[in-house]
Protein backbone atom coordinates (compact mmCIF):
# COMPACT_ATOMS: atom_id res chain seq x y z
CA MET A 1 14.06 9.27 -14.16
CA LYS A 2 10.41 8.84 -13.29
CA LYS A 3 7.99 6.30 -14.67
CA GLY A 4 6.14 7.77 -17.64
CA GLU A 5 8.94 10.14 -18.70
CA ARG A 6 10.36 10.03 -22.21
CA LEU A 7 13.94 8.85 -22.69
CA THR A 8 15.93 9.73 -25.80
CA LEU A 9 19.23 8.02 -26.60
CA HIS A 10 21.51 9.70 -29.15
CA VAL A 11 24.13 7.22 -30.37
CA THR A 12 27.05 7.41 -32.78
CA SER A 13 28.91 4.20 -33.55
CA ASP A 14 32.28 3.68 -35.21
CA ARG A 15 30.92 0.55 -36.95
CA ASP A 16 27.67 -0.80 -38.36
CA ASP A 17 25.87 -2.43 -35.45
CA THR A 18 22.56 -2.65 -33.58
CA LEU A 19 21.79 -1.00 -30.24
CA HIS A 20 19.56 -3.07 -27.94
CA VAL A 21 17.68 -1.85 -24.84
CA HIS A 22 17.01 -4.88 -22.62
CA GLY A 23 13.69 -4.98 -20.76
CA TYR A 24 12.09 -2.93 -23.51
CA ASP A 25 13.25 -5.17 -26.36
CA ARG A 26 13.86 -2.12 -28.51
CA GLU A 27 16.54 -2.14 -31.18
CA LEU A 28 18.11 0.62 -33.22
CA PRO A 29 20.20 -0.04 -36.36
CA LEU A 30 23.50 1.87 -36.28
CA SER A 31 25.51 2.95 -39.32
CA ALA A 32 29.19 3.75 -38.85
CA GLY A 33 29.80 7.46 -38.28
CA THR A 34 26.11 8.39 -38.40
CA SER A 35 24.05 9.56 -35.43
CA ALA A 36 20.95 7.56 -34.57
CA THR A 37 18.19 8.32 -32.08
CA LEU A 38 15.92 6.04 -30.07
CA THR A 39 13.09 7.49 -27.98
CA LEU A 40 10.94 5.49 -25.60
CA THR A 41 8.64 6.00 -22.64
CA ALA A 42 9.97 4.76 -19.29
CA ASP A 43 6.93 2.67 -18.42
CA ARG A 44 8.87 0.10 -16.38
CA THR A 45 10.89 0.45 -13.18
CA GLY A 46 14.36 -0.96 -12.58
CA LEU A 47 17.75 -0.96 -14.26
CA PHE A 48 17.96 -1.93 -17.91
CA GLU A 49 21.11 -2.85 -19.81
CA VAL A 50 21.82 -1.10 -23.09
CA GLU A 51 24.32 -2.78 -25.39
CA THR A 52 25.38 -3.15 -28.97
CA HIS A 53 25.04 -6.57 -30.58
CA GLY A 54 28.34 -6.46 -32.44
CA SER A 55 30.67 -5.31 -29.69
CA GLY A 56 28.46 -6.15 -26.70
CA LEU A 57 29.11 -2.83 -25.01
CA VAL A 58 28.28 0.82 -24.96
CA ARG A 59 30.72 3.43 -23.73
CA PRO A 60 28.55 6.25 -22.33
CA PHE A 61 31.41 8.75 -22.11
CA PRO A 62 34.33 9.52 -24.43
CA PRO A 63 37.58 7.91 -23.14
CA ALA A 64 38.84 11.18 -21.63
CA ARG A 65 35.68 11.48 -19.50
CA ALA A 66 35.22 7.78 -18.67
CA VAL A 67 36.74 7.94 -15.18
CA ALA A 68 35.30 11.37 -14.36
CA GLY A 69 31.87 10.22 -15.49
CA GLN A 70 31.93 7.21 -13.17
CA LEU A 71 33.32 9.06 -10.15
CA PRO A 72 29.96 10.22 -8.69
CA LEU A 73 28.60 6.66 -8.79
CA PHE A 74 31.81 5.31 -7.24
CA LEU A 75 31.59 7.83 -4.39
CA LEU A 76 27.93 6.97 -3.84
CA MET A 77 28.82 3.27 -3.62
CA ILE A 78 31.48 4.05 -1.00
CA ALA A 79 29.01 6.15 1.00
CA TYR A 80 26.40 3.36 0.99
CA THR A 81 29.04 0.79 1.97
CA LEU A 82 30.29 2.88 4.88
CA GLY A 83 26.72 3.62 5.96
CA GLY A 84 25.91 -0.10 5.92
CA ILE A 85 29.02 -0.90 7.97
CA GLY A 86 28.04 1.84 10.41
CA LEU A 87 24.59 0.27 10.85
CA LEU A 88 26.13 -3.16 11.45
CA VAL A 89 28.47 -1.99 14.21
CA ALA A 90 26.00 0.39 15.88
């Protein structure tokens, strides 16, 4: 996403908790079984961790899609690794 764009997180938790967006220090109270929404403007660059205070994690995909959802990133990591090795031996 580009700096200045709006980001909206739609979250449903199976327990009462608090969602925390690091780097922005934004929090969102979560009630079990109820959808909650947090919208912010991406005015910073970098990677920012999003976690829940109670469990310490956020699962961005349902369990059935967890592996499939991570596959593109995994393949990109392999491509960068092989490209880096290729530059070292060239």
